[in-house]
């Protein structure tokens, strides 16, 4: 059971880092779009 708990927390961590990366990418895209428009 201990192993399963560790793998679950590792899975949650990797999902969290993926979500953060997606968020960063989304912010980057928005900033580029705004720069293109010249806001």
C-alpha atoms as a PDB file:
ATOM      1  CA  UNK A   1       0.000   0.000   0.000  1.00  0.00           C
ATOM      2  CA  UNK A   2       2.857   2.365   0.754  1.00  0.00           C
ATOM      3  CA  UNK A   3       4.137   2.077  -2.815  1.00  0.00           C
ATOM      4  CA  UNK A   4       0.722   2.966  -4.240  1.00  0.00           C
ATOM      5  CA  UNK A   5       0.529   6.101  -2.090  1.00  0.00           C
ATOM      6  CA  UNK A   6       3.977   7.184  -3.302  1.00  0.00           C
ATOM      7  CA  UNK A   7       3.098   6.625  -6.944  1.00  0.00           C
ATOM      8  CA  UNK A   8      -0.153   8.554  -6.507  1.00  0.00           C
ATOM      9  CA  UNK A   9       1.647  11.562  -5.049  1.00  0.00           C
ATOM     10  CA  UNK A  10       4.246  11.374  -7.826  1.00  0.00           C
ATOM     11  CA  UNK A  11       1.437  11.269 -10.369  1.00  0.00           C
ATOM     12  CA  UNK A  12      -0.226  14.283  -8.759  1.00  0.00           C
ATOM     13  CA  UNK A  13       3.097  16.135  -8.834  1.00  0.00           C
ATOM     14  CA  UNK A  14       3.687  15.447 -12.522  1.00  0.00           C
ATOM     15  CA  UNK A  15       0.124  16.503 -13.354  1.00  0.00           C
ATOM     16  CA  UNK A  16       0.639  19.695 -11.361  1.00  0.00           C
ATOM     17  CA  UNK A  17       3.863  20.537 -13.204  1.00  0.00           C
ATOM     18  CA  UNK A  18       2.166  19.839 -16.538  1.00  0.00           C
ATOM     19  CA  UNK A  19      -0.671  22.203 -15.634  1.00  0.00           C
ATOM     20  CA  UNK A  20       1.820  24.882 -14.606  1.00  0.00           C
ATOM     21  CA  UNK A  21       3.665  24.494 -17.908  1.00  0.00           C
ATOM     22  CA  UNK A  22       0.382  24.819 -19.800  1.00  0.00           C
ATOM     23  CA  UNK A  23      -0.484  27.939 -17.813  1.00  0.00           C
ATOM     24  CA  UNK A  24       2.918  29.477 -18.565  1.00  0.00           C
ATOM     25  CA  UNK A  25       2.512  28.681 -22.264  1.00  0.00           C
ATOM     26  CA  UNK A  26      -0.965  30.214 -22.306  1.00  0.00           C
ATOM     27  CA  UNK A  27       0.330  33.410 -20.667  1.00  0.00           C
ATOM     28  CA  UNK A  28       3.155  33.533 -23.225  1.00  0.00           C
ATOM     29  CA  UNK A  29       0.700  33.211 -26.121  1.00  0.00           C
ATOM     30  CA  UNK A  30      -1.491  35.988 -24.732  1.00  0.00           C
ATOM     31  CA  UNK A  31       1.509  38.273 -24.256  1.00  0.00           C
ATOM     32  CA  UNK A  32       2.702  37.624 -27.821  1.00  0.00           C
ATOM     33  CA  UNK A  33      -0.782  38.312 -29.175  1.00  0.00           C
ATOM     34  CA  UNK A  34      -0.965  41.588 -27.264  1.00  0.00           C
ATOM     35  CA  UNK A  35       2.509  42.553 -28.484  1.00  0.00           C
ATOM     36  CA  UNK A  36       1.446  41.825 -32.064  1.00  0.00           C
ATOM     37  CA  UNK A  37      -1.649  44.008 -31.708  1.00  0.00           C
ATOM     38  CA  UNK A  38       0.465  46.697 -30.051  1.00  0.00           C
ATOM     39  CA  UNK A  39      -1.584  47.183 -26.902  1.00  0.00           C
END
